[in-house]
Protein backbone atom coordinates (compact mmCIF):
# COMPACT_ATOMS: atom_id res chain seq x y z
CA MET A 1 8.93 -28.60 18.54
CA LYS A 2 5.33 -27.22 18.64
CA LYS A 3 5.39 -26.41 15.03
CA TRP A 4 4.92 -30.02 14.07
CA THR A 5 1.49 -30.39 15.94
CA SER A 6 -0.55 -30.03 12.81
CA CYS A 7 1.58 -32.27 10.65
CA THR A 8 1.14 -35.95 10.07
CA LEU A 9 3.86 -38.55 10.99
CA SER A 10 4.28 -39.33 7.40
CA SER A 11 4.99 -35.73 6.64
CA ILE A 12 7.78 -35.66 9.15
CA LEU A 13 9.27 -38.81 8.08
CA ALA A 14 9.30 -37.66 4.41
CA LEU A 15 11.38 -34.83 5.38
CA SER A 16 14.27 -36.84 6.91
CA LEU A 17 17.57 -36.22 5.42
CA LEU A 18 21.13 -37.72 5.86
CA ALA A 19 22.40 -35.30 8.62
CA PRO A 20 22.72 -35.33 12.41
CA THR A 21 19.49 -36.44 13.92
CA VAL A 22 17.40 -35.48 16.87
CA SER A 23 14.61 -37.52 18.52
CA PHE A 24 11.35 -36.43 20.01
CA ALA A 25 8.16 -38.33 21.11
CA ASN A 26 5.08 -38.51 18.87
CA GLU A 27 2.46 -36.87 21.08
CA ASN A 28 -0.23 -39.25 19.99
CA SER A 29 1.68 -42.28 21.02
CA ASN A 30 4.86 -43.59 22.87
CA GLN A 31 6.68 -43.88 19.62
CA LYS A 32 9.90 -42.05 19.25
CA VAL A 33 10.38 -40.20 15.92
CA THR A 34 13.92 -39.51 14.74
CA VAL A 35 14.51 -36.83 12.02
CA SER A 36 17.42 -34.76 11.06
CA LYS A 37 18.13 -31.38 12.58
CA GLU A 38 17.75 -30.06 9.04
CA ALA A 39 14.44 -31.65 8.58
CA ALA A 40 13.23 -30.31 11.86
CA SER A 41 13.49 -26.86 10.44
CA GLN A 42 11.34 -27.62 7.42
CA TYR A 43 7.57 -27.28 7.08
CA PRO A 44 5.65 -29.31 4.42
CA VAL A 45 5.33 -27.86 0.89
CA LEU A 46 2.48 -28.43 -1.52
CA LYS A 47 2.68 -31.29 -4.10
CA LYS A 48 0.37 -32.15 -6.84
CA ALA A 49 -1.72 -35.32 -6.01
CA LYS A 50 -1.32 -38.07 -8.51
CA ASN A 51 -5.29 -38.22 -8.53
CA PRO A 52 -8.04 -37.03 -6.11
CA GLU A 53 -8.32 -40.40 -4.67
CA GLU A 54 -4.83 -39.99 -3.18
CA ALA A 55 -6.15 -37.28 -0.90
CA GLY A 56 -9.40 -39.02 -0.21
CA PHE A 57 -11.62 -37.37 -2.87
CA SER A 58 -13.77 -39.01 -5.46
CA SER A 59 -12.88 -37.93 -8.95
CA GLU A 60 -16.43 -38.70 -10.18
CA LYS A 61 -17.88 -36.41 -7.41
CA LEU A 62 -15.33 -33.66 -8.06
CA GLU A 63 -16.66 -33.62 -11.73
CA LYS A 64 -19.94 -32.47 -10.34
CA VAL A 65 -18.12 -29.38 -9.23
CA ASP A 66 -16.93 -28.59 -12.67
CA GLN A 67 -20.38 -29.40 -14.03
CA LEU A 68 -22.08 -26.94 -11.52
CA ILE A 69 -19.70 -23.98 -12.53
CA GLU A 70 -19.65 -24.80 -16.20
CA MET A 71 -23.38 -24.85 -16.45
CA GLU A 72 -23.47 -21.50 -14.84
CA VAL A 73 -20.86 -20.03 -17.25
CA ALA A 74 -23.03 -21.37 -20.10
CA SER A 75 -25.97 -19.38 -18.62
CA GLY A 76 -23.94 -16.25 -18.32
CA PHE A 77 -21.82 -16.33 -15.26
CA PRO A 78 -18.51 -14.62 -16.03
CA GLY A 79 -15.69 -16.90 -14.79
CA ALA A 80 -13.92 -18.57 -11.79
CA ALA A 81 -10.74 -20.23 -10.78
CA LEU A 82 -10.74 -22.94 -8.10
CA ILE A 83 -8.04 -24.59 -6.02
CA VAL A 84 -8.43 -27.44 -3.60
CA ILE A 85 -5.67 -28.67 -1.29
CA LYS A 86 -5.79 -31.50 1.27
CA ASP A 87 -3.10 -33.19 3.34
CA GLY A 88 -0.47 -31.10 1.81
CA LYS A 89 -1.66 -32.02 -1.85
CA ILE A 90 -3.04 -30.00 -4.57
CA VAL A 91 -6.12 -31.87 -5.51
CA LYS A 92 -7.74 -29.55 -7.99
CA ASN A 93 -6.64 -26.40 -9.76
CA ASP A 94 -9.00 -25.36 -12.60
CA SER A 95 -10.40 -22.30 -14.23
CA TYR A 96 -13.86 -21.72 -15.83
CA GLY A 97 -15.33 -19.27 -18.29
CA TYR A 98 -13.87 -15.85 -19.02
CA LYS A 99 -11.64 -13.28 -17.39
CA ARG A 100 -13.15 -10.52 -19.59
CA LYS A 101 -16.42 -10.54 -21.70
CA PHE A 102 -17.20 -6.81 -21.93
CA SER A 103 -15.74 -3.43 -22.81
CA GLU A 104 -18.07 -1.30 -20.75
CA HIS A 105 -21.50 -2.58 -21.87
CA THR A 106 -20.33 -3.84 -25.26
CA PRO A 107 -19.59 -7.52 -25.57
CA LEU A 108 -16.10 -8.44 -26.83
CA LYS A 109 -15.95 -10.03 -30.23
CA ARG A 110 -13.78 -12.70 -28.55
CA PHE A 111 -14.04 -13.25 -24.83
CA GLN A 112 -10.75 -13.45 -22.90
CA LYS A 113 -10.56 -17.13 -21.60
CA MET A 114 -9.94 -17.53 -17.83
CA GLU A 115 -6.76 -19.34 -17.09
CA ASN A 116 -5.26 -21.08 -13.99
CA ASP A 117 -2.79 -18.45 -13.45
CA THR A 118 -5.22 -15.44 -13.90
CA MET A 119 -4.96 -12.93 -11.16
CA PHE A 120 -8.01 -11.65 -9.30
CA ASP A 121 -8.86 -8.59 -7.18
CA LEU A 122 -9.18 -10.31 -3.72
CA ALA A 123 -11.13 -7.38 -2.28
CA SER A 124 -11.65 -8.15 1.41
CA ASN A 125 -9.49 -11.29 1.24
CA THR A 126 -6.87 -8.63 1.46
CA LYS A 127 -7.70 -8.35 5.13
CA MET A 128 -6.55 -11.92 5.76
CA TYR A 129 -3.61 -12.50 3.14
CA ALA A 130 -2.09 -9.10 3.76
CA THR A 131 -3.08 -7.49 7.02
CA ASN A 132 -3.82 -10.52 9.10
CA PHE A 133 -0.67 -12.38 7.97
CA ALA A 134 1.37 -9.33 8.67
CA LEU A 135 -0.34 -8.86 12.21
CA GLN A 136 0.22 -12.59 12.88
CA LYS A 137 3.89 -12.16 12.10
CA LEU A 138 4.28 -9.21 14.23
CA VAL A 139 2.49 -10.78 17.13
CA SER A 140 4.65 -13.93 16.87
CA GLU A 141 7.74 -11.77 16.76
CA GLY A 142 6.69 -9.88 19.82
CA LYS A 143 6.56 -6.56 18.01
CA LEU A 144 2.76 -6.21 18.50
CA ASP A 145 0.52 -6.70 21.57
CA ILE A 146 -3.16 -7.10 20.47
CA GLN A 147 -4.24 -6.28 24.00
CA ALA A 148 -2.56 -2.85 23.75
CA LYS A 149 -4.55 0.33 23.05
CA VAL A 150 -4.60 1.66 19.50
CA LYS A 151 -3.09 4.88 20.74
CA GLN A 152 0.00 3.28 21.85
CA TYR A 153 0.80 2.75 18.17
CA ILE A 154 -1.07 5.79 16.75
CA PRO A 155 -1.06 8.63 19.48
CA GLU A 156 -3.33 10.91 17.63
CA PHE A 157 -6.08 8.14 17.78
CA LYS A 158 -7.94 9.58 20.80
CA ASP A 159 -11.34 11.00 21.91
CA THR A 160 -12.08 14.68 21.57
CA GLU A 161 -14.53 16.93 23.46
CA ALA A 162 -16.61 17.16 20.29
CA ASP A 163 -17.00 13.39 20.06
CA VAL A 164 -20.64 12.35 20.63
CA ILE A 165 -19.68 8.83 21.45
CA LYS A 166 -16.39 8.25 23.12
CA GLY A 167 -14.12 5.23 23.39
CA LYS A 168 -11.08 5.76 21.29
CA ASP A 169 -8.87 6.47 24.37
CA THR A 170 -9.43 2.78 25.63
CA LEU A 171 -9.90 0.95 22.30
CA ARG A 172 -7.63 -2.05 21.97
CA ILE A 173 -6.21 -3.78 18.96
CA VAL A 174 -8.16 -6.79 19.73
CA ASP A 175 -11.41 -4.80 19.58
CA VAL A 176 -10.51 -3.70 16.10
CA LEU A 177 -9.71 -7.18 14.96
CA HIS A 178 -13.17 -8.46 16.38
CA HIS A 179 -15.00 -5.68 14.49
CA THR A 180 -16.37 -4.26 17.72
CA ALA A 181 -14.49 -0.90 17.59
CA GLY A 182 -17.40 1.39 17.08
CA PHE A 183 -16.92 2.30 13.32
CA LYS A 184 -19.64 2.37 10.68
CA PRO A 185 -19.03 -0.16 7.88
CA ASP A 186 -18.21 2.40 5.03
CA PRO A 187 -17.46 6.18 5.62
CA GLN A 188 -16.64 6.55 1.84
CA TYR A 189 -13.67 8.83 2.40
CA HIS A 190 -13.57 9.21 -1.58
CA ASN A 191 -17.02 10.59 -1.86
CA PRO A 192 -17.51 14.18 -0.54
CA LEU A 193 -21.37 13.80 -0.54
CA VAL A 194 -21.12 11.14 1.99
CA SER A 195 -17.78 11.79 4.03
CA LYS A 196 -18.26 15.52 3.94
CA GLU A 197 -15.31 16.99 6.23
CA LEU A 198 -13.64 13.55 6.01
CA TYR A 199 -13.46 13.61 2.28
CA SER A 200 -9.89 12.61 0.92
CA GLN A 201 -8.30 11.19 -2.19
CA GLU A 202 -4.90 11.45 -0.85
CA ARG A 203 -3.34 8.55 1.06
CA ASN A 204 -1.63 10.35 3.90
CA LYS A 205 -4.63 12.60 4.55
CA THR A 206 -7.02 9.67 4.52
CA ILE A 207 -4.77 7.85 7.16
CA SER A 208 -4.98 10.91 9.27
CA PHE A 209 -8.76 10.98 8.92
CA ILE A 210 -9.17 7.52 10.18
CA SER A 211 -8.32 8.78 13.67
CA LYS A 212 -10.97 11.69 13.31
CA THR A 213 -13.64 9.14 12.01
CA PRO A 214 -16.46 9.42 14.64
CA LEU A 215 -17.70 6.32 16.35
CA THR A 216 -21.21 5.24 15.79
CA TYR A 217 -21.56 2.96 18.77
CA VAL A 218 -19.80 2.36 22.06
CA PRO A 219 -16.86 0.01 21.33
CA GLY A 220 -17.40 -3.60 22.64
CA THR A 221 -21.23 -3.31 22.58
CA GLN A 222 -21.90 -4.35 19.00
CA ASN A 223 -20.38 -6.53 16.18
CA VAL A 224 -20.32 -4.33 13.03
CA TYR A 225 -18.03 -5.52 10.04
CA SER A 226 -16.19 -2.38 9.01
CA ASP A 227 -13.58 -1.54 6.45
CA VAL A 228 -12.37 1.33 8.71
CA ASP A 229 -11.02 -1.34 11.14
CA TYR A 230 -8.71 -2.85 8.70
CA MET A 231 -7.65 0.60 7.19
CA LEU A 232 -6.60 1.25 10.79
CA LEU A 233 -4.83 -2.02 11.16
CA GLY A 234 -2.91 -1.42 7.93
CA ALA A 235 -1.82 2.02 9.26
CA ILE A 236 -0.64 0.33 12.54
CA ILE A 237 1.49 -2.12 10.55
CA GLU A 238 3.16 0.68 8.77
CA LYS A 239 3.78 2.47 12.14
CA ILE A 240 5.41 -0.54 13.60
CA THR A 241 7.49 -1.70 10.50
CA GLY A 242 8.27 1.85 9.15
CA GLN A 243 7.40 0.58 5.70
CA PRO A 244 4.39 0.94 3.31
CA LEU A 245 2.17 -1.98 3.68
CA ASP A 246 2.72 -3.33 0.27
CA THR A 247 6.52 -3.13 0.57
CA TYR A 248 6.33 -4.99 3.88
CA VAL A 249 4.09 -7.84 2.93
CA GLU A 250 5.50 -8.41 -0.55
CA ASN A 251 9.11 -8.53 0.91
CA GLU A 252 8.60 -10.17 4.28
CA LEU A 253 5.67 -12.58 3.51
CA TYR A 254 5.43 -13.32 -0.13
CA LYS A 255 8.97 -13.00 -1.51
CA PRO A 256 10.36 -15.67 0.82
CA LEU A 257 7.53 -18.09 -0.26
CA ASN A 258 8.45 -17.27 -3.82
CA LEU A 259 4.97 -15.86 -4.55
CA LYS A 260 5.45 -13.67 -7.61
CA ASN A 261 1.81 -12.95 -8.41
CA THR A 262 0.59 -11.69 -5.03
CA LYS A 263 0.79 -7.79 -5.31
CA PHE A 264 -0.75 -4.50 -4.50
CA ASN A 265 -0.94 -2.13 -7.62
CA PRO A 266 0.21 -4.92 -9.97
CA LEU A 267 -0.11 -2.76 -13.11
CA GLN A 268 2.70 -0.63 -11.66
CA LYS A 269 4.73 -3.69 -10.94
CA GLY A 270 5.19 -5.22 -14.44
CA PHE A 271 1.85 -6.80 -15.05
CA LYS A 272 -0.54 -6.17 -17.87
CA PRO A 273 -4.34 -5.83 -17.89
CA LYS A 274 -4.69 -9.20 -19.77
CA ASP A 275 -3.15 -11.00 -16.65
CA PHE A 276 -6.35 -10.23 -14.64
CA ALA A 277 -9.96 -11.12 -14.35
CA ALA A 278 -12.04 -8.09 -15.06
CA THR A 279 -14.61 -6.53 -12.57
CA GLU A 280 -17.09 -3.80 -12.94
CA LEU A 281 -18.14 -2.83 -16.55
CA LEU A 282 -18.45 1.02 -16.02
CA GLY A 283 -15.65 1.61 -13.43
CA ASN A 284 -17.29 2.58 -10.16
CA THR A 285 -20.49 4.10 -11.56
CA ARG A 286 -22.86 1.11 -10.90
CA ASP A 287 -24.04 1.28 -14.53
CA GLY A 288 -24.17 5.14 -14.26
CA VAL A 289 -26.18 5.82 -10.99
CA ILE A 290 -23.10 6.76 -8.80
CA ASP A 291 -20.89 9.73 -9.36
CA PHE A 292 -18.12 11.42 -7.41
CA PRO A 293 -14.76 13.34 -8.19
CA ASN A 294 -12.29 11.29 -10.46
CA ILE A 295 -14.62 8.29 -10.76
CA ARG A 296 -13.52 5.70 -13.22
CA THR A 297 -15.99 4.91 -16.04
CA TYR A 298 -14.17 2.21 -18.04
CA THR A 299 -14.09 -1.62 -17.50
CA LEU A 300 -11.70 -2.38 -14.59
CA GLN A 301 -9.02 -5.03 -15.14
CA GLY A 302 -5.97 -5.08 -12.96
CA GLU A 303 -6.99 -2.06 -10.94
CA VAL A 304 -8.53 -2.50 -7.46
CA HIS A 305 -12.19 -2.10 -7.69
CA ASP A 306 -12.80 -1.01 -4.01
CA GLU A 307 -13.28 2.92 -4.07
CA LYS A 308 -11.63 3.63 -0.78
CA ALA A 309 -8.51 1.60 -1.73
CA PHE A 310 -8.17 3.05 -5.15
CA TYR A 311 -9.15 6.75 -4.71
CA SER A 312 -8.24 7.36 -1.05
CA MET A 313 -5.46 5.02 -0.24
CA GLU A 314 -3.53 4.97 -3.59
CA GLY A 315 -4.26 1.25 -4.16
CA VAL A 316 -2.74 -0.01 -0.92
CA SER A 317 -4.94 -0.40 2.07
CA GLY A 318 -5.28 -2.90 4.93
CA HIS A 319 -8.99 -3.61 3.84
CA ALA A 320 -8.61 -4.18 0.08
CA GLY A 321 -6.17 -3.86 -2.87
CA LEU A 322 -4.34 -7.13 -2.94
CA PHE A 323 -4.30 -9.17 -6.24
CA SER A 324 -3.34 -12.95 -6.38
CA ASN A 325 -3.97 -16.16 -8.11
CA THR A 326 -5.09 -19.72 -6.95
CA LYS A 327 -1.64 -21.18 -6.93
CA ASP A 328 -0.08 -18.45 -4.85
CA ILE A 329 -3.08 -18.42 -2.40
CA ALA A 330 -2.69 -22.15 -2.03
CA VAL A 331 0.65 -21.70 -0.40
CA LEU A 332 -0.77 -19.24 1.88
CA LEU A 333 -3.50 -21.66 2.91
CA GLN A 334 -0.82 -24.27 3.57
CA VAL A 335 1.03 -21.87 5.78
CA MET A 336 -2.04 -21.82 8.11
CA LEU A 337 -2.49 -25.56 7.88
CA ASN A 338 1.28 -26.02 8.61
CA GLY A 339 1.12 -24.02 11.70
CA GLY A 340 2.65 -20.75 10.34
CA GLY A 341 5.55 -21.89 7.85
CA TYR A 342 6.20 -23.29 4.48
CA GLY A 343 9.48 -25.11 3.45
CA LYS A 344 12.31 -23.37 5.32
CA HIS A 345 10.46 -20.31 6.13
CA GLU A 346 8.47 -19.58 9.37
CA LEU A 347 6.10 -16.59 9.19
CA PHE A 348 4.53 -17.04 12.54
CA ASP A 349 3.65 -19.86 15.05
CA GLN A 350 0.76 -22.15 15.88
CA GLU A 351 0.31 -20.43 19.07
CA THR A 352 -0.54 -17.14 17.27
CA ILE A 353 -2.71 -18.86 14.71
CA ASN A 354 -4.66 -20.45 17.55
CA GLU A 355 -5.23 -16.91 19.06
CA PHE A 356 -6.29 -15.40 15.68
CA VAL A 357 -8.84 -18.08 14.87
CA ALA A 358 -10.41 -18.57 18.27
CA PRO A 359 -14.00 -17.48 18.52
CA SER A 360 -14.93 -14.04 19.91
CA GLU A 361 -17.01 -14.25 23.05
CA MET A 362 -19.54 -11.86 21.45
CA ASN A 363 -19.97 -13.60 18.15
CA ARG A 364 -18.66 -17.14 17.45
CA THR A 365 -18.72 -16.42 13.76
CA TYR A 366 -15.71 -14.01 14.22
CA GLY A 367 -12.17 -14.65 15.20
CA LEU A 368 -9.55 -11.88 14.96
CA GLY A 369 -10.48 -10.93 11.59
CA TRP A 370 -11.05 -14.33 10.36
CA ARG A 371 -14.68 -15.46 9.95
CA ARG A 372 -15.54 -18.81 11.53
CA ASN A 373 -18.14 -21.55 10.94
CA GLY A 374 -19.45 -20.61 14.30
CA ASP A 375 -23.17 -21.29 13.74
CA ASP A 376 -25.72 -21.92 11.03
CA SER A 377 -25.70 -18.46 9.92
CA MET A 378 -22.42 -19.27 8.16
CA LYS A 379 -23.87 -22.15 6.06
CA TRP A 380 -24.12 -19.90 3.12
CA MET A 381 -20.43 -19.68 3.03
CA PHE A 382 -19.11 -22.98 4.67
CA GLY A 383 -21.98 -25.30 3.66
CA PRO A 384 -23.28 -28.03 5.99
CA TYR A 385 -20.13 -30.32 6.18
CA ALA A 386 -17.38 -27.91 7.27
CA SER A 387 -15.82 -28.55 10.67
CA GLU A 388 -17.05 -26.18 13.49
CA ASN A 389 -13.54 -24.91 13.63
CA ALA A 390 -13.26 -24.07 9.87
CA TYR A 391 -12.57 -20.54 9.20
CA GLY A 392 -11.96 -18.23 6.26
CA HIS A 393 -13.17 -14.93 4.61
CA THR A 394 -14.89 -13.55 1.53
CA GLY A 395 -14.41 -10.69 -0.68
CA TRP A 396 -17.00 -8.46 -2.39
CA THR A 397 -15.57 -8.95 -6.05
CA GLY A 398 -16.44 -12.67 -5.61
CA THR A 399 -13.68 -14.38 -3.63
CA VAL A 400 -14.03 -16.96 -0.78
CA THR A 401 -11.33 -18.73 1.38
CA ILE A 402 -12.16 -21.83 3.48
CA ILE A 403 -9.62 -23.49 5.71
CA ASP A 404 -10.66 -26.43 7.70
CA PRO A 405 -7.86 -27.61 9.98
CA GLU A 406 -9.69 -30.67 11.09
CA LYS A 407 -9.75 -32.09 7.69
CA ASP A 408 -6.41 -30.61 6.66
CA LEU A 409 -8.32 -28.99 3.78
CA GLY A 410 -8.14 -25.62 2.00
CA ILE A 411 -10.40 -24.17 -0.63
CA VAL A 412 -10.14 -21.02 -2.58
CA LEU A 413 -12.81 -19.93 -5.17
CA LEU A 414 -12.09 -16.80 -7.04
CA THR A 415 -14.70 -15.40 -9.37
CA ASN A 416 -15.23 -12.13 -11.33
CA LYS A 417 -18.90 -12.22 -10.56
CA LYS A 418 -19.05 -8.41 -10.69
CA HIS A 419 -18.03 -8.38 -14.39
CA SER A 420 -21.64 -8.43 -15.40
CA PRO A 421 -24.41 -5.68 -15.64
CA LEU A 422 -26.40 -4.64 -12.62
CA VAL A 423 -29.83 -6.11 -12.15
CA ASN A 424 -31.44 -2.80 -11.32
CA PRO A 425 -28.96 -0.19 -10.42
CA VAL A 426 -31.67 2.35 -9.39
CA ALA A 427 -33.26 -0.03 -6.96
CA ASN A 428 -30.00 -1.75 -5.70
CA SER A 429 -26.67 -0.34 -6.86
CA ASN A 430 -24.81 -3.37 -5.53
CA GLN A 431 -26.49 -6.33 -6.97
CA PHE A 432 -25.04 -7.63 -10.19
CA TYR A 433 -26.28 -10.41 -12.43
CA GLY A 434 -23.18 -12.47 -11.42
CA ASP A 435 -24.44 -12.34 -7.75
CA LEU A 436 -27.53 -14.44 -8.74
CA PHE A 437 -25.56 -17.52 -9.67
CA LYS A 438 -24.78 -20.37 -7.13
CA THR A 439 -21.13 -20.07 -8.00
CA GLY A 440 -21.18 -16.34 -7.02
CA SER A 441 -22.78 -17.12 -3.60
CA TYR A 442 -19.96 -19.81 -2.85
CA GLY A 443 -21.78 -22.38 -0.55
CA SER A 444 -22.97 -24.67 -3.34
CA VAL A 445 -19.42 -25.07 -4.63
CA VAL A 446 -17.89 -25.46 -1.27
CA THR A 447 -20.67 -28.12 -0.35
CA ALA A 448 -19.87 -30.05 -3.59
CA ILE A 449 -16.27 -30.18 -2.69
CA TYR A 450 -17.02 -31.60 0.75
CA GLU A 451 -19.43 -34.15 -0.79
CA ALA A 452 -16.65 -35.30 -2.86
CA LEU A 453 -14.78 -36.26 0.21
CA GLY A 454 -17.33 -38.95 0.81
CA SER A 455 -17.28 -40.41 4.28
CA ASP A 456 -15.24 -37.43 5.54
CA THR A 457 -18.35 -35.29 5.30
CA LYS A 458 -20.19 -37.32 7.82
């Protein structure tokens, strides 16, 4: 019955049905709890709170969150969508500003308003909601051993005599998950000026080039966040399952949970550009200072922004490419808070979750892929009130996930902060005006949400 360890007694009793019953002891007392066999196979599902106070929030203080974001929208921030869940209840689900304001650098005559169901390019939150969820499922099912060597799953991943730094022969899955595998952050496979002999804009070729990508430090000696790690993990999932990554996660993870707005390559699957929050104004050109073969120059809306994902991986990669909205992601947050399941569906178990969110010995701000509130260096993301065991992730396009199991709390803030001009593209081709706002740096919004919990922040 370990799946119930993260659930409240009231949640269990609420699921009781008229059916044959089973009994077990409540681990926090000597009280015996009786529920039906049918109920015992259920996980809590999200319900809308009658009001914020029902989940321990102050309505008045939550309005300060709205004021913060709305003031920034009035000052030029493009837009955002926010969902907050606590104790299995949706406390807040609101949208702000605009999903599209520009066509290239020309302002639209009428801005497209952000809506609660607007879908966003999740960027590196793909690593969690697609790749990590798939890995956690495979580990829970005994189909993946994270202590195994990478070459057990991808035999061509090995050292060569020409390698200056060796370590691929002994590299384990767990090292890749901890971002200690030895790879540089971004080899830019899509750009021949950077990637040189590893240049590829063909998915199968790119996957083969991952094994040939040189290590830049001895594995296990440094902690360097790298997209290559998750491109490799995505390839491993495809090897184990025999399916493309998008096919596997959409059918095995999202479909059972009835998540209809969580997709890779959504424009190829029935969605329209108007369904999405737009990102960069001039494709991937950074307002004209970047160039490489086949570069997009139009305003992106519904196409993954990430260059490696779009050009080199046909929109489907372990590190980026997933789109979703707040309502769908809330269900995935609840899966984690529930201990691995939702309703009648179990994706993985609590033991696997514990393994994936546990702190790395080298750096307590890293779990297995998940980022943790491990020390003060993470306050920019988690704020000052999150529990030390809170975890989550961010995405370059402007997305952040916070999961705080000690408070049974989940927060997702999705923004399109990159849908704005660059500040000075020559000096810094990655700094957009949207990055300069508090909403775009996450911590202030997260802090205001915790403060609305009142005494729970103490």
